[in-house]
Amino acid sequence: MPLVLLETASYRLYPEKPEVRCLVRKQKTSLNPNITYVTGDVLDRDSLIMATAGIETVYYFIHMMGNQPKGEQKKFDVLDRIAIENMVDACKINGVKRIIHLTGMRNENENFLIT
């Protein structure tokens, strides 16, 4: 059973090399038997429900950022919120024990802990 769902190439964080599942937008394969890739998109809740099935810990290192035109940041903020809400919903549905969310953005009035 995979232990973690990594959403970026963060496998090097684990010196013991556990079994991991990585969410990617384009199909990919691994030569490492401990790494599997699942195709999905954080804006597609159903793909996240499938990707998080059987997962204990999700490392969420995604942000909707880029070189957007002036005044377009709000669009990225909305997409970022939809993405994390989709992931939280998928994790709740599948009984994920932990979400480790690395972000530089903050709203001190929000709490995304799974209870």
PDB file of N, CA and C in Angstrom:
ATOM      1  N   MET A   1       0.848  -1.180   0.000  1.00  0.00           N
ATOM      2  CA  MET A   1       0.000   0.000   0.000  1.00  0.00           C
ATOM      3  C   MET A   1       0.888   1.236   0.000  1.00  0.00           C
ATOM      4  N   PRO A   2       0.661   2.151  -0.934  1.00  0.00           N
ATOM      5  CA  PRO A   2       1.479   3.371  -0.947  1.00  0.00           C
ATOM      6  C   PRO A   2       1.293   4.165   0.340  1.00  0.00           C
ATOM      7  N   LEU A   3       2.365   4.747   0.790  1.00  0.00           N
ATOM      8  CA  LEU A   3       2.323   5.516   2.023  1.00  0.00           C
ATOM      9  C   LEU A   3       2.020   6.979   1.796  1.00  0.00           C
ATOM     10  N   VAL A   4       2.494   7.518   0.696  1.00  0.00           N
ATOM     11  CA  VAL A   4       2.341   8.949   0.480  1.00  0.00           C
ATOM     12  C   VAL A   4       1.963   9.227  -0.960  1.00  0.00           C
ATOM     13  N   LEU A   5       1.264  10.308  -1.160  1.00  0.00           N
ATOM     14  CA  LEU A   5       0.996  10.818  -2.496  1.00  0.00           C
ATOM     15  C   LEU A   5       1.795  12.091  -2.618  1.00  0.00           C
ATOM     16  N   LEU A   6       2.791  12.073  -3.459  1.00  0.00           N
ATOM     17  CA  LEU A   6       3.623  13.243  -3.657  1.00  0.00           C
ATOM     18  C   LEU A   6       3.155  13.965  -4.905  1.00  0.00           C
ATOM     19  N   GLU A   7       2.997  15.255  -4.808  1.00  0.00           N
ATOM     20  CA  GLU A   7       2.498  16.009  -5.943  1.00  0.00           C
ATOM     21  C   GLU A   7       3.610  16.722  -6.681  1.00  0.00           C
ATOM     22  N   THR A   8       4.809  16.525  -6.264  1.00  0.00           N
ATOM     23  CA  THR A   8       5.963  17.054  -6.979  1.00  0.00           C
ATOM     24  C   THR A   8       7.056  16.017  -6.872  1.00  0.00           C
ATOM     25  N   ALA A   9       8.172  16.280  -7.460  1.00  0.00           N
ATOM     26  CA  ALA A   9       9.286  15.325  -7.411  1.00  0.00           C
ATOM     27  C   ALA A   9      10.001  15.447  -6.064  1.00  0.00           C
ATOM     28  N   SER A  10       9.342  15.028  -5.003  1.00  0.00           N
ATOM     29  CA  SER A  10       9.870  15.189  -3.646  1.00  0.00           C
ATOM     30  C   SER A  10      10.293  13.874  -3.024  1.00  0.00           C
ATOM     31  N   TYR A  11      10.463  12.872  -3.829  1.00  0.00           N
ATOM     32  CA  TYR A  11      10.822  11.549  -3.322  1.00  0.00           C
ATOM     33  C   TYR A  11      12.142  11.570  -2.566  1.00  0.00           C
ATOM     34  N   ARG A  12      13.029  12.473  -2.940  1.00  0.00           N
ATOM     35  CA  ARG A  12      14.332  12.547  -2.277  1.00  0.00           C
ATOM     36  C   ARG A  12      14.227  12.949  -0.802  1.00  0.00           C
ATOM     37  N   LEU A  13      13.057  13.386  -0.369  1.00  0.00           N
ATOM     38  CA  LEU A  13      12.859  13.719   1.049  1.00  0.00           C
ATOM     39  C   LEU A  13      12.898  12.481   1.935  1.00  0.00           C
ATOM     40  N   TYR A  14      12.772  11.305   1.335  1.00  0.00           N
ATOM     41  CA  TYR A  14      12.684  10.067   2.091  1.00  0.00           C
ATOM     42  C   TYR A  14      13.905   9.193   1.870  1.00  0.00           C
ATOM     43  N   PRO A  15      14.860   9.205   2.803  1.00  0.00           N
ATOM     44  CA  PRO A  15      16.039   8.355   2.626  1.00  0.00           C
ATOM     45  C   PRO A  15      15.710   6.863   2.667  1.00  0.00           C
ATOM     46  N   GLU A  16      14.624   6.456   3.356  1.00  0.00           N
ATOM     47  CA  GLU A  16      14.267   5.035   3.445  1.00  0.00           C
ATOM     48  C   GLU A  16      13.516   4.545   2.214  1.00  0.00           C
ATOM     49  N   LYS A  17      13.179   5.431   1.304  1.00  0.00           N
ATOM     50  CA  LYS A  17      12.543   5.117   0.022  1.00  0.00           C
ATOM     51  C   LYS A  17      11.288   4.255   0.154  1.00  0.00           C
ATOM     52  N   PRO A  18      10.243   4.801   0.787  1.00  0.00           N
ATOM     53  CA  PRO A  18       8.986   4.039   0.900  1.00  0.00           C
ATOM     54  C   PRO A  18       8.276   3.968  -0.449  1.00  0.00           C
ATOM     55  N   GLU A  19       7.233   3.169  -0.486  1.00  0.00           N
ATOM     56  CA  GLU A  19       6.396   3.106  -1.682  1.00  0.00           C
ATOM     57  C   GLU A  19       5.603   4.404  -1.778  1.00  0.00           C
ATOM     58  N   VAL A  20       5.660   5.060  -2.923  1.00  0.00           N
ATOM     59  CA  VAL A  20       4.967   6.336  -3.093  1.00  0.00           C
ATOM     60  C   VAL A  20       4.167   6.350  -4.386  1.00  0.00           C
ATOM     61  N   ARG A  21       3.186   7.213  -4.397  1.00  0.00           N
ATOM     62  CA  ARG A  21       2.358   7.457  -5.576  1.00  0.00           C
ATOM     63  C   ARG A  21       2.461   8.943  -5.881  1.00  0.00           C
ATOM     64  N   CYS A  22       2.793   9.270  -7.109  1.00  0.00           N
ATOM     65  CA  CYS A  22       2.952  10.671  -7.516  1.00  0.00           C
ATOM     66  C   CYS A  22       1.825  11.061  -8.467  1.00  0.00           C
ATOM     67  N   LEU A  23       1.221  12.192  -8.204  1.00  0.00           N
ATOM     68  CA  LEU A  23       0.181  12.722  -9.076  1.00  0.00           C
ATOM     69  C   LEU A  23       0.842  13.556 -10.169  1.00  0.00           C
ATOM     70  N   VAL A  24       0.521  13.237 -11.419  1.00  0.00           N
ATOM     71  CA  VAL A  24       1.081  13.965 -12.561  1.00  0.00           C
ATOM     72  C   VAL A  24      -0.044  14.283 -13.541  1.00  0.00           C
ATOM     73  N   ARG A  25       0.156  15.314 -14.353  1.00  0.00           N
ATOM     74  CA  ARG A  25      -0.858  15.655 -15.347  1.00  0.00           C
ATOM     75  C   ARG A  25      -0.727  14.832 -16.618  1.00  0.00           C
ATOM     76  N   LYS A  26       0.498  14.456 -16.954  1.00  0.00           N
ATOM     77  CA  LYS A  26       0.743  13.641 -18.151  1.00  0.00           C
ATOM     78  C   LYS A  26       1.270  12.288 -17.715  1.00  0.00           C
ATOM     79  N   GLN A  27       0.758  11.240 -18.351  1.00  0.00           N
ATOM     80  CA  GLN A  27       1.145   9.877 -17.983  1.00  0.00           C
ATOM     81  C   GLN A  27       2.660   9.719 -17.989  1.00  0.00           C
ATOM     82  N   LYS A  28       3.133   8.996 -16.981  1.00  0.00           N
ATOM     83  CA  LYS A  28       4.559   8.817 -16.791  1.00  0.00           C
ATOM     84  C   LYS A  28       4.775   7.447 -16.163  1.00  0.00           C
ATOM     85  N   THR A  29       5.938   6.864 -16.394  1.00  0.00           N
ATOM     86  CA  THR A  29       6.276   5.598 -15.754  1.00  0.00           C
ATOM     87  C   THR A  29       7.601   5.757 -15.028  1.00  0.00           C
ATOM     88  N   SER A  30       7.830   4.869 -14.080  1.00  0.00           N
ATOM     89  CA  SER A  30       9.051   4.919 -13.275  1.00  0.00           C
ATOM     90  C   SER A  30       9.789   3.597 -13.382  1.00  0.00           C
ATOM     91  N   LEU A  31      11.096   3.685 -13.408  1.00  0.00           N
ATOM     92  CA  LEU A  31      11.920   2.478 -13.358  1.00  0.00           C
ATOM     93  C   LEU A  31      12.092   2.004 -11.917  1.00  0.00           C
ATOM     94  N   ASN A  32      11.761   2.868 -10.966  1.00  0.00           N
ATOM     95  CA  ASN A  32      11.855   2.532  -9.546  1.00  0.00           C
ATOM     96  C   ASN A  32      10.572   1.794  -9.140  1.00  0.00           C
ATOM     97  N   PRO A  33      10.681   0.562  -8.642  1.00  0.00           N
ATOM     98  CA  PRO A  33       9.478  -0.196  -8.282  1.00  0.00           C
ATOM     99  C   PRO A  33       8.698   0.409  -7.107  1.00  0.00           C
ATOM    100  N   ASN A  34       9.310   1.318  -6.367  1.00  0.00           N
ATOM    101  CA  ASN A  34       8.633   1.953  -5.227  1.00  0.00           C
ATOM    102  C   ASN A  34       7.856   3.203  -5.625  1.00  0.00           C
ATOM    103  N   ILE A  35       7.977   3.626  -6.876  1.00  0.00           N
ATOM    104  CA  ILE A  35       7.302   4.845  -7.322  1.00  0.00           C
ATOM    105  C   ILE A  35       6.305   4.505  -8.417  1.00  0.00           C
ATOM    106  N   THR A  36       5.045   4.916  -8.202  1.00  0.00           N
ATOM    107  CA  THR A  36       4.040   4.806  -9.252  1.00  0.00           C
ATOM    108  C   THR A  36       3.478   6.194  -9.526  1.00  0.00           C
ATOM    109  N   TYR A  37       3.047   6.403 -10.739  1.00  0.00           N
ATOM    110  CA  TYR A  37       2.471   7.686 -11.140  1.00  0.00           C
ATOM    111  C   TYR A  37       1.003   7.481 -11.482  1.00  0.00           C
ATOM    112  N   VAL A  38       0.171   8.407 -11.032  1.00  0.00           N
ATOM    113  CA  VAL A  38      -1.238   8.411 -11.399  1.00  0.00           C
ATOM    114  C   VAL A  38      -1.535   9.743 -12.078  1.00  0.00           C
ATOM    115  N   THR A  39      -2.318   9.670 -13.125  1.00  0.00           N
ATOM    116  CA  THR A  39      -2.655  10.873 -13.873  1.00  0.00           C
ATOM    117  C   THR A  39      -3.855  11.538 -13.227  1.00  0.00           C
ATOM    118  N   GLY A  40      -3.767  12.843 -13.040  1.00  0.00           N
ATOM    119  CA  GLY A  40      -4.872  13.578 -12.450  1.00  0.00           C
ATOM    120  C   GLY A  40      -4.626  15.068 -12.517  1.00  0.00           C
ATOM    121  N   ASP A  41      -5.550  15.798 -11.950  1.00  0.00           N
ATOM    122  CA  ASP A  41      -5.466  17.254 -11.953  1.00  0.00           C
ATOM    123  C   ASP A  41      -6.141  17.743 -10.678  1.00  0.00           C
ATOM    124  N   VAL A  42      -5.508  18.657  -9.978  1.00  0.00           N
ATOM    125  CA  VAL A  42      -6.072  19.146  -8.717  1.00  0.00           C
ATOM    126  C   VAL A  42      -7.373  19.909  -8.916  1.00  0.00           C
ATOM    127  N   LEU A  43      -7.662  20.318 -10.142  1.00  0.00           N
ATOM    128  CA  LEU A  43      -8.938  20.982 -10.408  1.00  0.00           C
ATOM    129  C   LEU A  43     -10.033  19.969 -10.774  1.00  0.00           C
ATOM    130  N   ASP A  44      -9.678  18.692 -10.819  1.00  0.00           N
ATOM    131  CA  ASP A  44     -10.615  17.606 -11.114  1.00  0.00           C
ATOM    132  C   ASP A  44     -10.759  16.749  -9.853  1.00  0.00           C
ATOM    133  N   ARG A  45     -11.787  17.024  -9.067  1.00  0.00           N
ATOM    134  CA  ARG A  45     -11.988  16.355  -7.777  1.00  0.00           C
ATOM    135  C   ARG A  45     -12.030  14.835  -7.914  1.00  0.00           C
ATOM    136  N   ASP A  46     -12.702  14.334  -8.951  1.00  0.00           N
ATOM    137  CA  ASP A  46     -12.815  12.886  -9.121  1.00  0.00           C
ATOM    138  C   ASP A  46     -11.454  12.227  -9.329  1.00  0.00           C
ATOM    139  N   SER A  47     -10.561  12.893 -10.061  1.00  0.00           N
ATOM    140  CA  SER A  47      -9.228  12.315 -10.260  1.00  0.00           C
ATOM    141  C   SER A  47      -8.466  12.268  -8.941  1.00  0.00           C
ATOM    142  N   LEU A  48      -8.710  13.229  -8.060  1.00  0.00           N
ATOM    143  CA  LEU A  48      -8.051  13.221  -6.753  1.00  0.00           C
ATOM    144  C   LEU A  48      -8.622  12.141  -5.845  1.00  0.00           C
ATOM    145  N   ILE A  49      -9.899  11.886  -5.961  1.00  0.00           N
ATOM    146  CA  ILE A  49     -10.501  10.804  -5.171  1.00  0.00           C
ATOM    147  C   ILE A  49      -9.854   9.474  -5.560  1.00  0.00           C
ATOM    148  N   MET A  50      -9.674   9.254  -6.859  1.00  0.00           N
ATOM    149  CA  MET A  50      -9.014   8.020  -7.298  1.00  0.00           C
ATOM    150  C   MET A  50      -7.540   8.004  -6.867  1.00  0.00           C
ATOM    151  N   ALA A  51      -6.867   9.125  -6.973  1.00  0.00           N
ATOM    152  CA  ALA A  51      -5.435   9.183  -6.661  1.00  0.00           C
ATOM    153  C   ALA A  51      -5.146   8.983  -5.180  1.00  0.00           C
ATOM    154  N   THR A  52      -6.047   9.398  -4.304  1.00  0.00           N
ATOM    155  CA  THR A  52      -5.800   9.307  -2.864  1.00  0.00           C
ATOM    156  C   THR A  52      -6.325   8.020  -2.231  1.00  0.00           C
ATOM    157  N   ALA A  53      -6.951   7.172  -3.002  1.00  0.00           N
ATOM    158  CA  ALA A  53      -7.452   5.895  -2.462  1.00  0.00           C
ATOM    159  C   ALA A  53      -6.285   5.068  -1.926  1.00  0.00           C
ATOM    160  N   GLY A  54      -6.373   4.679  -0.662  1.00  0.00           N
ATOM    161  CA  GLY A  54      -5.335   3.863  -0.048  1.00  0.00           C
ATOM    162  C   GLY A  54      -4.106   4.622   0.412  1.00  0.00           C
ATOM    163  N   ILE A  55      -4.161   5.934   0.387  1.00  0.00           N
ATOM    164  CA  ILE A  55      -3.020   6.783   0.770  1.00  0.00           C
ATOM    165  C   ILE A  55      -3.151   7.189   2.235  1.00  0.00           C
ATOM    166  N   GLU A  56      -2.043   7.217   2.953  1.00  0.00           N
ATOM    167  CA  GLU A  56      -2.028   7.642   4.355  1.00  0.00           C
ATOM    168  C   GLU A  56      -1.662   9.119   4.514  1.00  0.00           C
ATOM    169  N   THR A  57      -0.707   9.593   3.712  1.00  0.00           N
ATOM    170  CA  THR A  57      -0.214  10.961   3.829  1.00  0.00           C
ATOM    171  C   THR A  57      -0.127  11.590   2.453  1.00  0.00           C
ATOM    172  N   VAL A  58      -0.619  12.813   2.330  1.00  0.00           N
ATOM    173  CA  VAL A  58      -0.506  13.578   1.095  1.00  0.00           C
ATOM    174  C   VAL A  58       0.421  14.760   1.354  1.00  0.00           C
ATOM    175  N   TYR A  59       1.401  14.905   0.495  1.00  0.00           N
ATOM    176  CA  TYR A  59       2.254  16.094   0.487  1.00  0.00           C
ATOM    177  C   TYR A  59       1.722  16.987  -0.623  1.00  0.00           C
ATOM    178  N   TYR A  60       1.205  18.139  -0.248  1.00  0.00           N
ATOM    179  CA  TYR A  60       0.563  19.033  -1.208  1.00  0.00           C
ATOM    180  C   TYR A  60       1.450  20.252  -1.395  1.00  0.00           C
ATOM    181  N   PHE A  61       2.173  20.279  -2.515  1.00  0.00           N
ATOM    182  CA  PHE A  61       3.124  21.361  -2.789  1.00  0.00           C
ATOM    183  C   PHE A  61       2.745  22.085  -4.078  1.00  0.00           C
ATOM    184  N   ILE A  62       1.474  22.373  -4.264  1.00  0.00           N
ATOM    185  CA  ILE A  62       0.994  22.963  -5.511  1.00  0.00           C
ATOM    186  C   ILE A  62       0.463  24.364  -5.253  1.00  0.00           C
ATOM    187  N   HIS A  63       0.763  25.254  -6.202  1.00  0.00           N
ATOM    188  CA  HIS A  63       0.211  26.611  -6.150  1.00  0.00           C
ATOM    189  C   HIS A  63      -0.096  27.060  -7.558  1.00  0.00           C
ATOM    190  N   MET A  64      -1.208  27.733  -7.735  1.00  0.00           N
ATOM    191  CA  MET A  64      -1.605  28.263  -9.032  1.00  0.00           C
ATOM    192  C   MET A  64      -0.942  29.623  -9.206  1.00  0.00           C
ATOM    193  N   MET A  65       0.288  29.603  -9.647  1.00  0.00           N
ATOM    194  CA  MET A  65       1.024  30.850  -9.833  1.00  0.00           C
ATOM    195  C   MET A  65       1.648  30.847 -11.216  1.00  0.00           C
ATOM    196  N   GLY A  66       2.036  31.980 -11.648  1.00  0.00           N
ATOM    197  CA  GLY A  66       2.696  32.079 -12.936  1.00  0.00           C
ATOM    198  C   GLY A  66       2.889  33.531 -13.297  1.00  0.00           C
ATOM    199  N   ASN A  67       3.277  33.747 -14.517  1.00  0.00           N
ATOM    200  CA  ASN A  67       3.476  35.113 -15.002  1.00  0.00           C
ATOM    201  C   ASN A  67       2.163  35.630 -15.574  1.00  0.00           C
ATOM    202  N   GLN A  68       1.227  35.879 -14.688  1.00  0.00           N
ATOM    203  CA  GLN A  68      -0.084  36.337 -15.105  1.00  0.00           C
ATOM    204  C   GLN A  68      -0.077  37.856 -15.324  1.00  0.00           C
ATOM    205  N   PRO A  69      -0.943  38.317 -16.229  1.00  0.00           N
ATOM    206  CA  PRO A  69      -1.045  39.758 -16.467  1.00  0.00           C
ATOM    207  C   PRO A  69      -1.516  40.480 -15.208  1.00  0.00           C
ATOM    208  N   LYS A  70      -1.192  41.748 -15.134  1.00  0.00           N
ATOM    209  CA  LYS A  70      -1.610  42.562 -13.992  1.00  0.00           C
ATOM    210  C   LYS A  70      -3.127  42.467 -13.817  1.00  0.00           C
ATOM    211  N   GLY A  71      -3.549  42.265 -12.581  1.00  0.00           N
ATOM    212  CA  GLY A  71      -4.974  42.166 -12.278  1.00  0.00           C
ATOM    213  C   GLY A  71      -5.543  40.756 -12.389  1.00  0.00           C
ATOM    214  N   GLU A  72      -4.744  39.804 -12.834  1.00  0.00           N
ATOM    215  CA  GLU A  72      -5.217  38.432 -12.997  1.00  0.00           C
ATOM    216  C   GLU A  72      -4.943  37.556 -11.780  1.00  0.00           C
ATOM    217  N   GLN A  73      -4.274  38.062 -10.744  1.00  0.00           N
ATOM    218  CA  GLN A  73      -3.928  37.249  -9.582  1.00  0.00           C
ATOM    219  C   GLN A  73      -5.165  36.651  -8.930  1.00  0.00           C
ATOM    220  N   LYS A  74      -6.273  37.391  -8.941  1.00  0.00           N
ATOM    221  CA  LYS A  74      -7.480  36.879  -8.309  1.00  0.00           C
ATOM    222  C   LYS A  74      -7.914  35.556  -8.934  1.00  0.00           C
ATOM    223  N   LYS A  75      -7.776  35.431 -10.251  1.00  0.00           N
ATOM    224  CA  LYS A  75      -8.130  34.186 -10.927  1.00  0.00           C
ATOM    225  C   LYS A  75      -7.283  33.031 -10.383  1.00  0.00           C
ATOM    226  N   PHE A  76      -5.993  33.275 -10.186  1.00  0.00           N
ATOM    227  CA  PHE A  76      -5.126  32.232  -9.663  1.00  0.00           C
ATOM    228  C   PHE A  76      -5.463  31.915  -8.212  1.00  0.00           C
ATOM    229  N   ASP A  77      -5.827  32.916  -7.448  1.00  0.00           N
ATOM    230  CA  ASP A  77      -6.235  32.681  -6.061  1.00  0.00           C
ATOM    231  C   ASP A  77      -7.470  31.784  -6.006  1.00  0.00           C
ATOM    232  N   VAL A  78      -8.434  32.020  -6.888  1.00  0.00           N
ATOM    233  CA  VAL A  78      -9.651  31.211  -6.933  1.00  0.00           C
ATOM    234  C   VAL A  78      -9.304  29.774  -7.317  1.00  0.00           C
ATOM    235  N   LEU A  79      -8.455  29.603  -8.329  1.00  0.00           N
ATOM    236  CA  LEU A  79      -8.056  28.256  -8.737  1.00  0.00           C
ATOM    237  C   LEU A  79      -7.298  27.545  -7.625  1.00  0.00           C
ATOM    238  N   ASP A  80      -6.442  28.271  -6.913  1.00  0.00           N
ATOM    239  CA  ASP A  80      -5.683  27.683  -5.815  1.00  0.00           C
ATOM    240  C   ASP A  80      -6.626  27.185  -4.719  1.00  0.00           C
ATOM    241  N   ARG A  81      -7.646  27.969  -4.413  1.00  0.00           N
ATOM    242  CA  ARG A  81      -8.630  27.571  -3.398  1.00  0.00           C
ATOM    243  C   ARG A  81      -9.409  26.342  -3.850  1.00  0.00           C
ATOM    244  N   ILE A  82      -9.854  26.318  -5.103  1.00  0.00           N
ATOM    245  CA  ILE A  82     -10.583  25.156  -5.620  1.00  0.00           C
ATOM    246  C   ILE A  82      -9.709  23.911  -5.533  1.00  0.00           C
ATOM    247  N   ALA A  83      -8.442  24.043  -5.907  1.00  0.00           N
ATOM    248  CA  ALA A  83      -7.523  22.900  -5.902  1.00  0.00           C
ATOM    249  C   ALA A  83      -7.362  22.320  -4.503  1.00  0.00           C
ATOM    250  N   ILE A  84      -7.098  23.149  -3.506  1.00  0.00           N
ATOM    251  CA  ILE A  84      -6.879  22.614  -2.147  1.00  0.00           C
ATOM    252  C   ILE A  84      -8.189  22.080  -1.577  1.00  0.00           C
ATOM    253  N   GLU A  85      -9.308  22.719  -1.885  1.00  0.00           N
ATOM    254  CA  GLU A  85     -10.588  22.187  -1.403  1.00  0.00           C
ATOM    255  C   GLU A  85     -10.882  20.826  -2.036  1.00  0.00           C
ATOM    256  N   ASN A  86     -10.553  20.662  -3.311  1.00  0.00           N
ATOM    257  CA  ASN A  86     -10.711  19.355  -3.956  1.00  0.00           C
ATOM    258  C   ASN A  86      -9.855  18.301  -3.268  1.00  0.00           C
ATOM    259  N   MET A  87      -8.604  18.657  -2.951  1.00  0.00           N
ATOM    260  CA  MET A  87      -7.716  17.693  -2.302  1.00  0.00           C
ATOM    261  C   MET A  87      -8.220  17.343  -0.904  1.00  0.00           C
ATOM    262  N   VAL A  88      -8.634  18.326  -0.154  1.00  0.00           N
ATOM    263  CA  VAL A  88      -9.153  18.064   1.197  1.00  0.00           C
ATOM    264  C   VAL A  88     -10.378  17.162   1.121  1.00  0.00           C
ATOM    265  N   ASP A  89     -11.289  17.441   0.200  1.00  0.00           N
ATOM    266  CA  ASP A  89     -12.476  16.589   0.038  1.00  0.00           C
ATOM    267  C   ASP A  89     -12.080  15.153  -0.298  1.00  0.00           C
ATOM    268  N   ALA A  90     -11.163  14.994  -1.246  1.00  0.00           N
ATOM    269  CA  ALA A  90     -10.723  13.652  -1.650  1.00  0.00           C
ATOM    270  C   ALA A  90     -10.090  12.919  -0.472  1.00  0.00           C
ATOM    271  N   CYS A  91      -9.298  13.637   0.313  1.00  0.00           N
ATOM    272  CA  CYS A  91      -8.643  13.019   1.472  1.00  0.00           C
ATOM    273  C   CYS A  91      -9.659  12.606   2.531  1.00  0.00           C
ATOM    274  N   LYS A  92     -10.657  13.421   2.753  1.00  0.00           N
ATOM    275  CA  LYS A  92     -11.707  13.058   3.711  1.00  0.00           C
ATOM    276  C   LYS A  92     -12.456  11.812   3.240  1.00  0.00           C
ATOM    277  N   ILE A  93     -12.800  11.781   1.969  1.00  0.00           N
ATOM    278  CA  ILE A  93     -13.534  10.638   1.414  1.00  0.00           C
ATOM    279  C   ILE A  93     -12.743   9.350   1.580  1.00  0.00           C
ATOM    280  N   ASN A  94     -11.428   9.417   1.394  1.00  0.00           N
ATOM    281  CA  ASN A  94     -10.578   8.223   1.435  1.00  0.00           C
ATOM    282  C   ASN A  94      -9.897   7.984   2.776  1.00  0.00           C
ATOM    283  N   GLY A  95     -10.200   8.778   3.779  1.00  0.00           N
ATOM    284  CA  GLY A  95      -9.634   8.547   5.105  1.00  0.00           C
ATOM    285  C   GLY A  95      -8.139   8.775   5.199  1.00  0.00           C
ATOM    286  N   VAL A  96      -7.615   9.710   4.398  1.00  0.00           N
ATOM    287  CA  VAL A  96      -6.194  10.057   4.482  1.00  0.00           C
ATOM    288  C   VAL A  96      -5.923  10.621   5.874  1.00  0.00           C
ATOM    289  N   LYS A  97      -4.843  10.151   6.503  1.00  0.00           N
ATOM    290  CA  LYS A  97      -4.537  10.560   7.880  1.00  0.00           C
ATOM    291  C   LYS A  97      -3.920  11.946   7.983  1.00  0.00           C
ATOM    292  N   ARG A  98      -3.094  12.327   6.986  1.00  0.00           N
ATOM    293  CA  ARG A  98      -2.381  13.600   7.067  1.00  0.00           C
ATOM    294  C   ARG A  98      -2.283  14.260   5.697  1.00  0.00           C
ATOM    295  N   ILE A  99      -2.423  15.583   5.695  1.00  0.00           N
ATOM    296  CA  ILE A  99      -2.064  16.391   4.529  1.00  0.00           C
ATOM    297  C   ILE A  99      -0.960  17.333   5.003  1.00  0.00           C
ATOM    298  N   ILE A 100       0.148  17.277   4.331  1.00  0.00           N
ATOM    299  CA  ILE A 100       1.237  18.210   4.613  1.00  0.00           C
ATOM    300  C   ILE A 100       1.208  19.220   3.479  1.00  0.00           C
ATOM    301  N   HIS A 101       0.805  20.439   3.803  1.00  0.00           N
ATOM    302  CA  HIS A 101       0.572  21.480   2.799  1.00  0.00           C
ATOM    303  C   HIS A 101       1.638  22.551   2.973  1.00  0.00           C
ATOM    304  N   LEU A 102       2.510  22.636   1.998  1.00  0.00           N
ATOM    305  CA  LEU A 102       3.553  23.653   2.015  1.00  0.00           C
ATOM    306  C   LEU A 102       3.070  24.820   1.178  1.00  0.00           C
ATOM    307  N   THR A 103       3.012  25.973   1.783  1.00  0.00           N
ATOM    308  CA  THR A 103       2.524  27.143   1.061  1.00  0.00           C
ATOM    309  C   THR A 103       3.220  28.402   1.551  1.00  0.00           C
ATOM    310  N   GLY A 104       3.274  29.356   0.677  1.00  0.00           N
ATOM    311  CA  GLY A 104       3.763  30.676   1.047  1.00  0.00           C
ATOM    312  C   GLY A 104       2.600  31.625   1.259  1.00  0.00           C
ATOM    313  N   MET A 105       1.398  31.149   0.915  1.00  0.00           N
ATOM    314  CA  MET A 105       0.196  31.965   1.080  1.00  0.00           C
ATOM    315  C   MET A 105      -0.456  31.639   2.410  1.00  0.00           C
ATOM    316  N   ARG A 106      -1.153  32.622   2.967  1.00  0.00           N
ATOM    317  CA  ARG A 106      -1.737  32.383   4.277  1.00  0.00           C
ATOM    318  C   ARG A 106      -2.985  33.225   4.481  1.00  0.00           C
ATOM    319  N   ASN A 107      -3.975  32.588   5.066  1.00  0.00           N
ATOM    320  CA  ASN A 107      -5.147  33.276   5.554  1.00  0.00           C
ATOM    321  C   ASN A 107      -5.325  32.781   6.977  1.00  0.00           C
ATOM    322  N   GLU A 108      -4.999  33.617   7.950  1.00  0.00           N
ATOM    323  CA  GLU A 108      -5.004  33.177   9.344  1.00  0.00           C
ATOM    324  C   GLU A 108      -6.384  32.798   9.860  1.00  0.00           C
ATOM    325  N   ASN A 109      -7.440  33.072   9.093  1.00  0.00           N
ATOM    326  CA  ASN A 109      -8.792  32.712   9.515  1.00  0.00           C
ATOM    327  C   ASN A 109      -9.225  31.337   9.038  1.00  0.00           C
ATOM    328  N   GLU A 110      -8.351  30.612   8.302  1.00  0.00           N
ATOM    329  CA  GLU A 110      -8.718  29.319   7.769  1.00  0.00           C
ATOM    330  C   GLU A 110      -7.938  28.200   8.433  1.00  0.00           C
ATOM    331  N   ASN A 111      -8.584  27.039   8.495  1.00  0.00           N
ATOM    332  CA  ASN A 111      -7.963  25.852   9.057  1.00  0.00           C
ATOM    333  C   ASN A 111      -8.330  24.679   8.163  1.00  0.00           C
ATOM    334  N   PHE A 112      -7.327  24.052   7.539  1.00  0.00           N
ATOM    335  CA  PHE A 112      -7.589  22.943   6.636  1.00  0.00           C
ATOM    336  C   PHE A 112      -7.255  21.610   7.279  1.00  0.00           C
ATOM    337  N   LEU A 113      -7.293  21.508   8.591  1.00  0.00           N
ATOM    338  CA  LEU A 113      -7.037  20.227   9.244  1.00  0.00           C
ATOM    339  C   LEU A 113      -8.189  19.276   8.967  1.00  0.00           C
ATOM    340  N   ILE A 114      -7.855  18.031   8.721  1.00  0.00           N
ATOM    341  CA  ILE A 114      -8.887  17.015   8.545  1.00  0.00           C
ATOM    342  C   ILE A 114      -9.298  16.528   9.920  1.00  0.00           C
ATOM    343  N   THR A 115     -10.593  16.597  10.206  1.00  0.00           N
ATOM    344  CA  THR A 115     -11.079  16.119  11.503  1.00  0.00           C
ATOM    345  C   THR A 115     -12.073  15.007  11.313  1.00  0.00           C
TER     346      THR A 115
END
